[in-house]
Amino acid sequence: MSIPFTVVNWQDILPSTHPGETGVAHWQTLQFPGLRVRIVTYGPGYLADHWCAKGHIVHCLQGSFDSELKDGATHTLTQGMTYIVSDNASIHRSRTESGVTLLIIDGDFLAGR
């Protein structure tokens, strides 16, 4: 994969809407071969509608959220914190009471091969 120098003005990327079990998420997505970069905003009261096995690098830009693991563990992330997980390493879902904005990077490099 070769990505040329790219400047992203996130204001130019239209969001898509993704309903959760409760609440709603808005994704601004930049897609490259084998790499996806997103600004994701979960509104207040958001709970993901699925458990996710995909690997991510998730950085909290604003607000706070809980990353719930299927094994019962919960990790609270606040502004400036990051979590990293490979594909199929820890099944997880997101929840926020107050809302949060995240930078999420995922792609083939997290396949855990």
N, C-alpha and C. Protein backbone atom coordinates (compact mmCIF):
# COMPACT_ATOMS: atom_id res chain seq x y z
N MET A 1 0.85 -1.17 0.00
CA MET A 1 0.00 0.00 0.00
C MET A 1 0.89 1.24 0.00
N SER A 2 0.58 2.17 -0.85
CA SER A 2 1.31 3.42 -0.93
C SER A 2 0.30 4.56 -0.94
N ILE A 3 0.37 5.40 0.07
CA ILE A 3 -0.53 6.53 0.17
C ILE A 3 0.30 7.79 0.00
N PRO A 4 -0.04 8.61 -0.99
CA PRO A 4 0.71 9.86 -1.17
C PRO A 4 0.38 10.83 -0.04
N PHE A 5 1.19 11.85 0.08
CA PHE A 5 0.93 12.90 1.07
C PHE A 5 -0.49 13.41 0.85
N THR A 6 -1.29 13.33 1.90
CA THR A 6 -2.70 13.68 1.80
C THR A 6 -3.08 14.60 2.94
N VAL A 7 -3.64 15.74 2.62
CA VAL A 7 -4.17 16.66 3.62
C VAL A 7 -5.67 16.44 3.67
N VAL A 8 -6.21 16.26 4.86
CA VAL A 8 -7.63 15.99 5.02
C VAL A 8 -8.27 17.17 5.74
N ASN A 9 -9.25 17.78 5.09
CA ASN A 9 -10.08 18.78 5.75
C ASN A 9 -11.39 18.06 6.09
N TRP A 10 -11.54 17.66 7.34
CA TRP A 10 -12.69 16.84 7.75
C TRP A 10 -14.01 17.57 7.51
N GLN A 11 -13.99 18.88 7.44
CA GLN A 11 -15.22 19.63 7.17
C GLN A 11 -15.75 19.35 5.77
N ASP A 12 -14.88 18.87 4.87
CA ASP A 12 -15.29 18.57 3.50
C ASP A 12 -15.84 17.15 3.34
N ILE A 13 -15.75 16.33 4.38
CA ILE A 13 -16.19 14.93 4.29
C ILE A 13 -17.56 14.81 4.94
N LEU A 14 -18.55 14.51 4.12
CA LEU A 14 -19.92 14.40 4.62
C LEU A 14 -20.07 13.20 5.55
N PRO A 15 -20.77 13.37 6.66
CA PRO A 15 -20.97 12.24 7.58
C PRO A 15 -22.06 11.29 7.09
N SER A 16 -21.89 10.03 7.45
CA SER A 16 -22.96 9.04 7.28
C SER A 16 -23.51 8.73 8.67
N THR A 17 -24.78 8.36 8.74
CA THR A 17 -25.45 8.13 10.01
C THR A 17 -25.61 6.64 10.26
N HIS A 18 -25.31 6.21 11.49
CA HIS A 18 -25.38 4.80 11.86
C HIS A 18 -26.09 4.69 13.21
N PRO A 19 -27.34 4.19 13.20
CA PRO A 19 -28.05 4.06 14.47
C PRO A 19 -27.43 2.98 15.35
N GLY A 20 -27.41 3.23 16.64
CA GLY A 20 -26.96 2.22 17.59
C GLY A 20 -28.16 1.49 18.16
N GLU A 21 -27.89 0.61 19.13
CA GLU A 21 -29.01 0.01 19.88
C GLU A 21 -29.81 1.13 20.52
N THR A 22 -29.08 2.12 21.05
CA THR A 22 -29.66 3.39 21.46
C THR A 22 -28.77 4.49 20.92
N GLY A 23 -29.33 5.63 20.61
CA GLY A 23 -28.54 6.75 20.12
C GLY A 23 -28.10 6.57 18.68
N VAL A 24 -27.25 7.48 18.24
CA VAL A 24 -26.81 7.48 16.85
C VAL A 24 -25.33 7.85 16.76
N ALA A 25 -24.67 7.32 15.72
CA ALA A 25 -23.27 7.64 15.43
C ALA A 25 -23.21 8.31 14.06
N HIS A 26 -22.28 9.23 13.92
CA HIS A 26 -22.01 9.88 12.64
C HIS A 26 -20.55 9.60 12.29
N TRP A 27 -20.33 9.08 11.09
CA TRP A 27 -18.99 8.74 10.63
C TRP A 27 -18.59 9.64 9.47
N GLN A 28 -17.39 10.19 9.54
CA GLN A 28 -16.76 10.83 8.39
C GLN A 28 -15.60 9.91 8.03
N THR A 29 -15.66 9.33 6.84
CA THR A 29 -14.77 8.23 6.49
C THR A 29 -13.86 8.57 5.33
N LEU A 30 -12.59 8.25 5.49
CA LEU A 30 -11.59 8.36 4.45
C LEU A 30 -11.10 6.93 4.20
N GLN A 31 -11.29 6.42 2.98
CA GLN A 31 -10.96 5.02 2.68
C GLN A 31 -9.80 4.95 1.69
N PHE A 32 -8.79 4.17 2.06
CA PHE A 32 -7.67 3.84 1.19
C PHE A 32 -7.66 2.32 1.05
N PRO A 33 -6.94 1.76 0.07
CA PRO A 33 -6.82 0.31 0.01
C PRO A 33 -6.21 -0.24 1.30
N GLY A 34 -6.95 -1.06 2.01
CA GLY A 34 -6.46 -1.69 3.23
C GLY A 34 -6.37 -0.80 4.45
N LEU A 35 -6.92 0.43 4.37
CA LEU A 35 -6.84 1.37 5.48
C LEU A 35 -8.09 2.26 5.49
N ARG A 36 -8.71 2.37 6.67
CA ARG A 36 -9.86 3.25 6.84
C ARG A 36 -9.56 4.19 8.00
N VAL A 37 -9.78 5.50 7.79
CA VAL A 37 -9.57 6.51 8.81
C VAL A 37 -10.90 7.25 8.96
N ARG A 38 -11.38 7.37 10.22
CA ARG A 38 -12.68 7.98 10.45
C ARG A 38 -12.65 8.93 11.63
N ILE A 39 -13.45 9.98 11.53
CA ILE A 39 -13.85 10.75 12.70
C ILE A 39 -15.27 10.25 13.00
N VAL A 40 -15.46 9.72 14.20
CA VAL A 40 -16.75 9.15 14.59
C VAL A 40 -17.26 9.91 15.81
N THR A 41 -18.49 10.36 15.70
CA THR A 41 -19.14 11.04 16.82
C THR A 41 -20.32 10.20 17.28
N TYR A 42 -20.28 9.80 18.55
CA TYR A 42 -21.42 9.11 19.16
C TYR A 42 -22.19 10.16 19.95
N GLY A 43 -23.50 10.24 19.69
CA GLY A 43 -24.33 11.17 20.43
C GLY A 43 -24.59 10.69 21.85
N PRO A 44 -25.11 11.56 22.70
CA PRO A 44 -25.43 11.17 24.07
C PRO A 44 -26.36 9.95 24.09
N GLY A 45 -26.08 9.03 25.00
CA GLY A 45 -26.89 7.83 25.16
C GLY A 45 -26.62 6.75 24.14
N TYR A 46 -25.52 6.86 23.38
CA TYR A 46 -25.21 5.87 22.34
C TYR A 46 -24.74 4.55 22.95
N LEU A 47 -25.27 3.45 22.42
CA LEU A 47 -24.79 2.10 22.69
C LEU A 47 -24.73 1.39 21.35
N ALA A 48 -23.57 0.83 21.01
CA ALA A 48 -23.41 0.14 19.73
C ALA A 48 -24.44 -0.97 19.60
N ASP A 49 -24.87 -1.20 18.38
CA ASP A 49 -25.88 -2.22 18.11
C ASP A 49 -25.27 -3.59 17.85
N HIS A 50 -23.96 -3.74 18.04
CA HIS A 50 -23.29 -5.02 17.78
C HIS A 50 -22.00 -5.10 18.59
N TRP A 51 -21.54 -6.32 18.77
CA TRP A 51 -20.22 -6.57 19.33
C TRP A 51 -19.25 -6.63 18.14
N CYS A 52 -18.10 -6.02 18.27
CA CYS A 52 -17.16 -5.88 17.16
C CYS A 52 -15.89 -6.68 17.43
N ALA A 53 -15.46 -7.45 16.43
CA ALA A 53 -14.22 -8.21 16.53
C ALA A 53 -13.10 -7.57 15.73
N LYS A 54 -13.40 -6.46 15.05
CA LYS A 54 -12.42 -5.79 14.20
C LYS A 54 -11.37 -5.08 15.04
N GLY A 55 -10.16 -5.05 14.55
CA GLY A 55 -9.09 -4.30 15.22
C GLY A 55 -9.20 -2.82 14.92
N HIS A 56 -8.80 -2.00 15.87
CA HIS A 56 -8.85 -0.54 15.71
C HIS A 56 -7.72 0.12 16.50
N ILE A 57 -7.39 1.31 16.09
CA ILE A 57 -6.71 2.28 16.94
C ILE A 57 -7.76 3.36 17.16
N VAL A 58 -8.14 3.58 18.40
CA VAL A 58 -9.21 4.53 18.74
C VAL A 58 -8.63 5.59 19.67
N HIS A 59 -8.69 6.84 19.22
CA HIS A 59 -8.19 7.97 20.02
C HIS A 59 -9.36 8.89 20.33
N CYS A 60 -9.53 9.19 21.59
CA CYS A 60 -10.63 10.05 22.05
C CYS A 60 -10.24 11.51 21.89
N LEU A 61 -10.94 12.20 20.99
CA LEU A 61 -10.67 13.61 20.72
C LEU A 61 -11.40 14.53 21.68
N GLN A 62 -12.62 14.14 22.04
CA GLN A 62 -13.44 14.99 22.91
C GLN A 62 -14.50 14.13 23.58
N GLY A 63 -14.77 14.39 24.86
CA GLY A 63 -15.79 13.64 25.58
C GLY A 63 -15.22 12.39 26.24
N SER A 64 -16.10 11.43 26.49
CA SER A 64 -15.66 10.17 27.11
C SER A 64 -16.61 9.05 26.67
N PHE A 65 -16.10 7.82 26.74
CA PHE A 65 -16.91 6.65 26.41
C PHE A 65 -16.35 5.44 27.12
N ASP A 66 -17.18 4.41 27.19
CA ASP A 66 -16.75 3.13 27.73
C ASP A 66 -16.60 2.15 26.58
N SER A 67 -15.48 1.44 26.59
CA SER A 67 -15.31 0.32 25.68
C SER A 67 -15.55 -0.94 26.50
N GLU A 68 -16.66 -1.59 26.22
CA GLU A 68 -17.05 -2.79 26.94
C GLU A 68 -16.50 -4.00 26.19
N LEU A 69 -15.85 -4.90 26.90
CA LEU A 69 -15.37 -6.14 26.29
C LEU A 69 -16.37 -7.25 26.56
N LYS A 70 -16.46 -8.17 25.63
CA LYS A 70 -17.44 -9.25 25.76
C LYS A 70 -17.17 -10.10 27.00
N ASP A 71 -15.91 -10.10 27.49
CA ASP A 71 -15.58 -10.88 28.68
C ASP A 71 -16.04 -10.19 29.97
N GLY A 72 -16.67 -9.00 29.84
CA GLY A 72 -17.20 -8.30 31.01
C GLY A 72 -16.39 -7.11 31.47
N ALA A 73 -15.16 -6.98 31.00
CA ALA A 73 -14.34 -5.83 31.39
C ALA A 73 -14.86 -4.56 30.71
N THR A 74 -14.70 -3.43 31.39
CA THR A 74 -15.06 -2.13 30.83
C THR A 74 -13.90 -1.18 31.05
N HIS A 75 -13.55 -0.43 29.99
CA HIS A 75 -12.48 0.55 30.06
C HIS A 75 -13.06 1.91 29.66
N THR A 76 -12.90 2.90 30.53
CA THR A 76 -13.37 4.25 30.25
C THR A 76 -12.22 5.04 29.65
N LEU A 77 -12.49 5.65 28.50
CA LEU A 77 -11.51 6.50 27.85
C LEU A 77 -12.04 7.93 27.82
N THR A 78 -11.16 8.88 28.11
CA THR A 78 -11.50 10.29 28.08
C THR A 78 -10.57 10.99 27.10
N GLN A 79 -10.82 12.26 26.88
CA GLN A 79 -10.06 13.05 25.92
C GLN A 79 -8.56 12.83 26.09
N GLY A 80 -7.90 12.52 24.97
CA GLY A 80 -6.45 12.31 24.97
C GLY A 80 -6.03 10.87 25.16
N MET A 81 -6.97 9.96 25.45
CA MET A 81 -6.64 8.55 25.65
C MET A 81 -6.88 7.76 24.37
N THR A 82 -6.16 6.63 24.24
CA THR A 82 -6.20 5.78 23.05
C THR A 82 -6.27 4.33 23.47
N TYR A 83 -7.00 3.51 22.69
CA TYR A 83 -6.85 2.06 22.83
C TYR A 83 -6.50 1.47 21.47
N ILE A 84 -5.80 0.34 21.53
CA ILE A 84 -5.36 -0.37 20.33
C ILE A 84 -5.69 -1.84 20.52
N VAL A 85 -6.29 -2.45 19.49
CA VAL A 85 -6.61 -3.88 19.56
C VAL A 85 -6.53 -4.46 18.15
N SER A 86 -6.04 -5.68 18.03
CA SER A 86 -5.97 -6.39 16.75
C SER A 86 -7.29 -7.09 16.47
N ASP A 87 -7.51 -7.43 15.19
CA ASP A 87 -8.69 -8.20 14.81
C ASP A 87 -8.80 -9.45 15.67
N ASN A 88 -10.00 -9.75 16.12
CA ASN A 88 -10.33 -10.96 16.86
C ASN A 88 -9.60 -11.12 18.19
N ALA A 89 -8.96 -10.05 18.69
CA ALA A 89 -8.22 -10.16 19.95
C ALA A 89 -9.12 -9.94 21.16
N SER A 90 -10.03 -9.00 21.08
CA SER A 90 -10.94 -8.69 22.18
C SER A 90 -12.23 -8.14 21.59
N ILE A 91 -13.29 -8.90 21.67
CA ILE A 91 -14.57 -8.46 21.13
C ILE A 91 -15.09 -7.33 22.03
N HIS A 92 -15.54 -6.23 21.40
CA HIS A 92 -15.84 -5.01 22.15
C HIS A 92 -17.03 -4.28 21.54
N ARG A 93 -17.57 -3.33 22.31
CA ARG A 93 -18.57 -2.39 21.82
C ARG A 93 -18.43 -1.10 22.61
N SER A 94 -18.97 -0.02 22.05
CA SER A 94 -18.83 1.30 22.65
C SER A 94 -20.16 1.77 23.24
N ARG A 95 -20.02 2.56 24.30
CA ARG A 95 -21.17 3.16 24.97
C ARG A 95 -20.73 4.53 25.49
N THR A 96 -21.62 5.52 25.38
CA THR A 96 -21.36 6.82 25.98
C THR A 96 -22.65 7.40 26.52
N GLU A 97 -22.56 8.00 27.68
CA GLU A 97 -23.71 8.70 28.26
C GLU A 97 -23.79 10.13 27.74
N SER A 98 -22.64 10.78 27.63
CA SER A 98 -22.62 12.22 27.34
C SER A 98 -22.25 12.57 25.90
N GLY A 99 -21.79 11.61 25.12
CA GLY A 99 -21.34 11.87 23.76
C GLY A 99 -19.82 11.90 23.68
N VAL A 100 -19.29 11.59 22.50
CA VAL A 100 -17.85 11.52 22.33
C VAL A 100 -17.50 11.68 20.85
N THR A 101 -16.31 12.22 20.59
CA THR A 101 -15.78 12.29 19.24
C THR A 101 -14.45 11.54 19.23
N LEU A 102 -14.31 10.62 18.27
CA LEU A 102 -13.16 9.73 18.21
C LEU A 102 -12.48 9.80 16.85
N LEU A 103 -11.18 9.57 16.82
CA LEU A 103 -10.44 9.28 15.60
C LEU A 103 -10.22 7.78 15.62
N ILE A 104 -10.72 7.07 14.58
CA ILE A 104 -10.61 5.62 14.53
C ILE A 104 -9.86 5.23 13.27
N ILE A 105 -8.81 4.45 13.43
CA ILE A 105 -8.01 3.95 12.31
C ILE A 105 -8.06 2.44 12.35
N ASP A 106 -8.40 1.83 11.23
CA ASP A 106 -8.36 0.37 11.15
C ASP A 106 -7.94 -0.05 9.73
N GLY A 107 -7.54 -1.29 9.64
CA GLY A 107 -7.10 -1.76 8.33
C GLY A 107 -6.39 -3.09 8.41
N ASP A 108 -5.86 -3.50 7.28
CA ASP A 108 -5.22 -4.80 7.15
C ASP A 108 -4.06 -5.01 8.11
N PHE A 109 -3.39 -3.95 8.50
CA PHE A 109 -2.24 -4.08 9.40
C PHE A 109 -2.62 -4.58 10.79
N LEU A 110 -3.90 -4.61 11.12
CA LEU A 110 -4.37 -5.08 12.43
C LEU A 110 -4.91 -6.51 12.37
N ALA A 111 -4.66 -7.19 11.27
CA ALA A 111 -5.22 -8.52 11.06
C ALA A 111 -4.67 -9.56 12.05
N GLY A 112 -3.57 -9.28 12.72
CA GLY A 112 -3.05 -10.21 13.72
C GLY A 112 -2.48 -11.48 13.12
N ARG A 113 -1.93 -11.38 11.94
CA ARG A 113 -1.36 -12.56 11.28
C ARG A 113 -0.07 -12.98 11.89
